[in-house]
Amino acid sequence: MSGDPPGDPRVANGSLDAGIEEVDAADFAAGEIDEVVRFDVVDHGEAARVVHVVGEIDTLTAPVLRTRLDEHLSEVPLLVLDLSSVTFLGSAGLAVLVAARDEADRHNHRFRLVPGSRIVVRALEATGLLTLFELAETTEEALAN
């Protein structure tokens, strides 16, 4: 690879050496994923629910987020996703957010994001997705509107 120092042990014939393995989410037990991300769910009556995400939303954890959001999106007219404690938001996580918004639209429900941090806002801005979502500064604001 260009830019790698000559003789770099991480590189063999232009690819990563055999000591580095690809990561597959299926190889991880639920407990191991729980160490990376946590979901706290709070009902606000029958009409609204808040899902607070703590941790990283990456290739491993995005499918778990997708499953959780799909469960909730059909059950309540308003789902608020609080991302204020997210420490990483990768492309797989962004794809889940777009799918969740589409799923909410299919049910004629509302899906609001509370980005809460520059990490999340930057990811949404850099991909042009920021204007795709209903945003709120706080969960209280998201629930009030």
C-alpha atoms as a PDB file:
ATOM      1  CA  MET A   1       0.000   0.000   0.000  1.00  0.00           C
ATOM      2  CA  SER A   2       1.350   3.410  -0.777  1.00  0.00           C
ATOM      3  CA  GLY A   3       2.239   5.429   2.278  1.00  0.00           C
ATOM      4  CA  ASP A   4       3.081   2.364   4.374  1.00  0.00           C
ATOM      5  CA  PRO A   5       6.655   2.194   5.522  1.00  0.00           C
ATOM      6  CA  PRO A   6       8.783  -0.402   3.733  1.00  0.00           C
ATOM      7  CA  GLY A   7       8.686  -3.728   5.501  1.00  0.00           C
ATOM      8  CA  ASP A   8       5.498  -2.880   7.431  1.00  0.00           C
ATOM      9  CA  PRO A   9       4.402  -6.237   8.906  1.00  0.00           C
ATOM     10  CA  ARG A  10       0.702  -5.325   8.481  1.00  0.00           C
ATOM     11  CA  VAL A  11       1.029  -5.484   4.727  1.00  0.00           C
ATOM     12  CA  ALA A  12       1.736  -8.552   2.605  1.00  0.00           C
ATOM     13  CA  ASN A  13       1.381  -8.324  -1.158  1.00  0.00           C
ATOM     14  CA  GLY A  14      -0.883  -5.285  -0.940  1.00  0.00           C
ATOM     15  CA  SER A  15      -3.328  -6.747   1.576  1.00  0.00           C
ATOM     16  CA  LEU A  16      -3.595  -7.111   5.322  1.00  0.00           C
ATOM     17  CA  ASP A  17      -1.651 -10.060   6.645  1.00  0.00           C
ATOM     18  CA  ALA A  18      -3.324 -13.229   7.818  1.00  0.00           C
ATOM     19  CA  GLY A  19      -3.083 -12.184  11.474  1.00  0.00           C
ATOM     20  CA  ILE A  20      -5.840  -9.616  10.995  1.00  0.00           C
ATOM     21  CA  GLU A  21      -9.324 -11.039  10.595  1.00  0.00           C
ATOM     22  CA  GLU A  22     -12.484  -9.474   9.258  1.00  0.00           C
ATOM     23  CA  VAL A  23     -15.156  -8.904  11.899  1.00  0.00           C
ATOM     24  CA  ASP A  24     -18.556 -10.555  11.563  1.00  0.00           C
ATOM     25  CA  ALA A  25     -21.401  -9.526  13.885  1.00  0.00           C
ATOM     26  CA  ALA A  26     -22.624 -13.141  13.977  1.00  0.00           C
ATOM     27  CA  ASP A  27     -19.412 -14.083  15.807  1.00  0.00           C
ATOM     28  CA  PHE A  28     -20.318 -11.906  18.784  1.00  0.00           C
ATOM     29  CA  ALA A  29     -22.606 -12.928  21.609  1.00  0.00           C
ATOM     30  CA  ALA A  30     -25.295 -10.464  22.661  1.00  0.00           C
ATOM     31  CA  GLY A  31     -23.351  -9.710  25.837  1.00  0.00           C
ATOM     32  CA  GLU A  32     -20.309  -8.630  23.842  1.00  0.00           C
ATOM     33  CA  ILE A  33     -22.383  -6.221  21.746  1.00  0.00           C
ATOM     34  CA  ASP A  34     -23.938  -4.897  24.951  1.00  0.00           C
ATOM     35  CA  GLU A  35     -20.447  -3.806  25.969  1.00  0.00           C
ATOM     36  CA  VAL A  36     -20.306  -1.550  22.894  1.00  0.00           C
ATOM     37  CA  VAL A  37     -23.865  -0.211  22.783  1.00  0.00           C
ATOM     38  CA  ARG A  38     -26.856  -0.026  25.122  1.00  0.00           C
ATOM     39  CA  PHE A  39     -30.479   0.928  24.469  1.00  0.00           C
ATOM     40  CA  ASP A  40     -32.610   2.469  27.204  1.00  0.00           C
ATOM     41  CA  VAL A  41     -36.299   2.619  26.329  1.00  0.00           C
ATOM     42  CA  VAL A  42     -38.807   4.852  28.110  1.00  0.00           C
ATOM     43  CA  ASP A  43     -42.518   4.989  27.315  1.00  0.00           C
ATOM     44  CA  HIS A  44     -44.232   8.376  27.478  1.00  0.00           C
ATOM     45  CA  GLY A  45     -47.826   7.274  27.525  1.00  0.00           C
ATOM     46  CA  GLU A  46     -49.317   5.297  24.678  1.00  0.00           C
ATOM     47  CA  ALA A  47     -48.414   7.875  22.059  1.00  0.00           C
ATOM     48  CA  ALA A  48     -44.643   8.243  22.444  1.00  0.00           C
ATOM     49  CA  ARG A  49     -41.496   6.338  23.268  1.00  0.00           C
ATOM     50  CA  VAL A  50     -37.867   7.396  23.644  1.00  0.00           C
ATOM     51  CA  VAL A  51     -34.968   5.109  22.733  1.00  0.00           C
ATOM     52  CA  HIS A  52     -31.741   6.442  24.240  1.00  0.00           C
ATOM     53  CA  VAL A  53     -28.618   4.966  22.633  1.00  0.00           C
ATOM     54  CA  VAL A  54     -25.365   4.812  24.585  1.00  0.00           C
ATOM     55  CA  GLY A  55     -22.152   3.836  22.807  1.00  0.00           C
ATOM     56  CA  GLU A  56     -21.121   3.138  19.227  1.00  0.00           C
ATOM     57  CA  ILE A  57     -23.296   2.573  16.181  1.00  0.00           C
ATOM     58  CA  ASP A  58     -21.102   0.741  13.707  1.00  0.00           C
ATOM     59  CA  THR A  59     -21.215  -2.311  11.452  1.00  0.00           C
ATOM     60  CA  LEU A  60     -21.584  -4.646  14.422  1.00  0.00           C
ATOM     61  CA  THR A  61     -24.196  -2.730  16.381  1.00  0.00           C
ATOM     62  CA  ALA A  62     -26.275  -1.213  13.564  1.00  0.00           C
ATOM     63  CA  PRO A  63     -28.262  -4.449  12.953  1.00  0.00           C
ATOM     64  CA  VAL A  64     -29.165  -4.529  16.645  1.00  0.00           C
ATOM     65  CA  LEU A  65     -30.316  -0.908  16.458  1.00  0.00           C
ATOM     66  CA  ARG A  66     -32.355  -1.723  13.348  1.00  0.00           C
ATOM     67  CA  THR A  67     -34.121  -4.569  15.136  1.00  0.00           C
ATOM     68  CA  ARG A  68     -34.881  -2.404  18.161  1.00  0.00           C
ATOM     69  CA  LEU A  69     -36.210   0.478  16.070  1.00  0.00           C
ATOM     70  CA  ASP A  70     -38.381  -1.809  13.930  1.00  0.00           C
ATOM     71  CA  GLU A  71     -39.949  -3.195  17.101  1.00  0.00           C
ATOM     72  CA  HIS A  72     -40.863   0.262  18.372  1.00  0.00           C
ATOM     73  CA  LEU A  73     -41.760   2.102  15.163  1.00  0.00           C
ATOM     74  CA  SER A  74     -44.936   0.132  14.564  1.00  0.00           C
ATOM     75  CA  GLU A  75     -46.083   0.394  18.184  1.00  0.00           C
ATOM     76  CA  VAL A  76     -46.185   4.133  18.878  1.00  0.00           C
ATOM     77  CA  PRO A  77     -47.161   7.189  16.809  1.00  0.00           C
ATOM     78  CA  LEU A  78     -43.991   9.036  17.923  1.00  0.00           C
ATOM     79  CA  LEU A  79     -40.587   7.458  18.360  1.00  0.00           C
ATOM     80  CA  VAL A  80     -37.761   9.667  19.587  1.00  0.00           C
ATOM     81  CA  LEU A  81     -34.226   8.401  19.081  1.00  0.00           C
ATOM     82  CA  ASP A  82     -31.890  10.093  21.535  1.00  0.00           C
ATOM     83  CA  LEU A  83     -28.334   9.878  20.198  1.00  0.00           C
ATOM     84  CA  SER A  84     -26.823  12.295  22.712  1.00  0.00           C
ATOM     85  CA  SER A  85     -24.639   9.546  24.228  1.00  0.00           C
ATOM     86  CA  VAL A  86     -23.453   8.063  20.930  1.00  0.00           C
ATOM     87  CA  THR A  87     -19.667   8.101  20.666  1.00  0.00           C
ATOM     88  CA  PHE A  88     -19.423   6.891  17.049  1.00  0.00           C
ATOM     89  CA  LEU A  89     -21.901   6.878  14.156  1.00  0.00           C
ATOM     90  CA  GLY A  90     -20.729   4.999  11.081  1.00  0.00           C
ATOM     91  CA  SER A  91     -22.263   4.511   7.664  1.00  0.00           C
ATOM     92  CA  ALA A  92     -24.116   1.362   8.744  1.00  0.00           C
ATOM     93  CA  GLY A  93     -25.736   3.361  11.530  1.00  0.00           C
ATOM     94  CA  LEU A  94     -26.687   6.146   9.133  1.00  0.00           C
ATOM     95  CA  ALA A  95     -28.332   3.581   6.845  1.00  0.00           C
ATOM     96  CA  VAL A  96     -30.364   2.300   9.803  1.00  0.00           C
ATOM     97  CA  LEU A  97     -31.547   5.835  10.581  1.00  0.00           C
ATOM     98  CA  VAL A  98     -32.743   6.328   6.996  1.00  0.00           C
ATOM     99  CA  ALA A  99     -34.502   2.942   7.021  1.00  0.00           C
ATOM    100  CA  ALA A 100     -36.170   3.808  10.323  1.00  0.00           C
ATOM    101  CA  ARG A 101     -37.437   7.096   8.946  1.00  0.00           C
ATOM    102  CA  ASP A 102     -38.854   5.254   5.926  1.00  0.00           C
ATOM    103  CA  GLU A 103     -40.479   2.664   8.201  1.00  0.00           C
ATOM    104  CA  ALA A 104     -42.080   5.406  10.292  1.00  0.00           C
ATOM    105  CA  ASP A 105     -43.434   6.987   7.113  1.00  0.00           C
ATOM    106  CA  ARG A 106     -44.963   3.639   6.058  1.00  0.00           C
ATOM    107  CA  HIS A 107     -46.853   3.504   9.361  1.00  0.00           C
ATOM    108  CA  ASN A 108     -47.772   7.214   9.207  1.00  0.00           C
ATOM    109  CA  HIS A 109     -45.812   7.642  12.428  1.00  0.00           C
ATOM    110  CA  ARG A 110     -43.246  10.271  13.405  1.00  0.00           C
ATOM    111  CA  PHE A 111     -39.563   9.594  13.953  1.00  0.00           C
ATOM    112  CA  ARG A 112     -37.521  12.328  15.616  1.00  0.00           C
ATOM    113  CA  LEU A 113     -33.817  12.452  16.334  1.00  0.00           C
ATOM    114  CA  VAL A 114     -32.059  14.132  19.210  1.00  0.00           C
ATOM    115  CA  PRO A 115     -28.491  14.292  17.845  1.00  0.00           C
ATOM    116  CA  GLY A 116     -27.148  15.779  21.069  1.00  0.00           C
ATOM    117  CA  SER A 117     -23.508  15.748  20.040  1.00  0.00           C
ATOM    118  CA  ARG A 118     -21.229  17.103  17.361  1.00  0.00           C
ATOM    119  CA  ILE A 119     -20.270  13.519  16.471  1.00  0.00           C
ATOM    120  CA  VAL A 120     -23.794  12.721  15.293  1.00  0.00           C
ATOM    121  CA  VAL A 121     -24.459  16.111  13.695  1.00  0.00           C
ATOM    122  CA  ARG A 122     -21.192  15.913  11.713  1.00  0.00           C
ATOM    123  CA  ALA A 123     -22.029  12.449  10.389  1.00  0.00           C
ATOM    124  CA  LEU A 124     -25.480  13.627   9.288  1.00  0.00           C
ATOM    125  CA  GLU A 125     -24.118  16.850   7.763  1.00  0.00           C
ATOM    126  CA  ALA A 126     -21.240  15.174   5.920  1.00  0.00           C
ATOM    127  CA  THR A 127     -23.619  12.751   4.225  1.00  0.00           C
ATOM    128  CA  GLY A 128     -26.312  15.296   3.421  1.00  0.00           C
ATOM    129  CA  LEU A 129     -28.807  13.501   5.675  1.00  0.00           C
ATOM    130  CA  LEU A 130     -29.305  16.231   8.260  1.00  0.00           C
ATOM    131  CA  THR A 131     -32.351  17.726   6.505  1.00  0.00           C
ATOM    132  CA  LEU A 132     -33.946  14.296   6.088  1.00  0.00           C
ATOM    133  CA  PHE A 133     -34.907  14.052   9.759  1.00  0.00           C
ATOM    134  CA  GLU A 134     -37.046  15.876  12.273  1.00  0.00           C
ATOM    135  CA  LEU A 135     -34.526  17.093  14.840  1.00  0.00           C
ATOM    136  CA  ALA A 136     -34.834  18.335  18.391  1.00  0.00           C
ATOM    137  CA  GLU A 137     -32.285  19.697  20.839  1.00  0.00           C
ATOM    138  CA  THR A 138     -33.592  17.615  23.758  1.00  0.00           C
ATOM    139  CA  THR A 139     -35.921  14.681  24.324  1.00  0.00           C
ATOM    140  CA  GLU A 140     -38.322  17.050  26.073  1.00  0.00           C
ATOM    141  CA  GLU A 141     -38.459  19.233  22.949  1.00  0.00           C
ATOM    142  CA  ALA A 142     -38.939  16.174  20.731  1.00  0.00           C
ATOM    143  CA  LEU A 143     -41.826  14.981  22.865  1.00  0.00           C
ATOM    144  CA  ALA A 144     -43.448  18.424  23.090  1.00  0.00           C
ATOM    145  CA  ASN A 145     -43.752  19.146  19.373  1.00  0.00           C
END
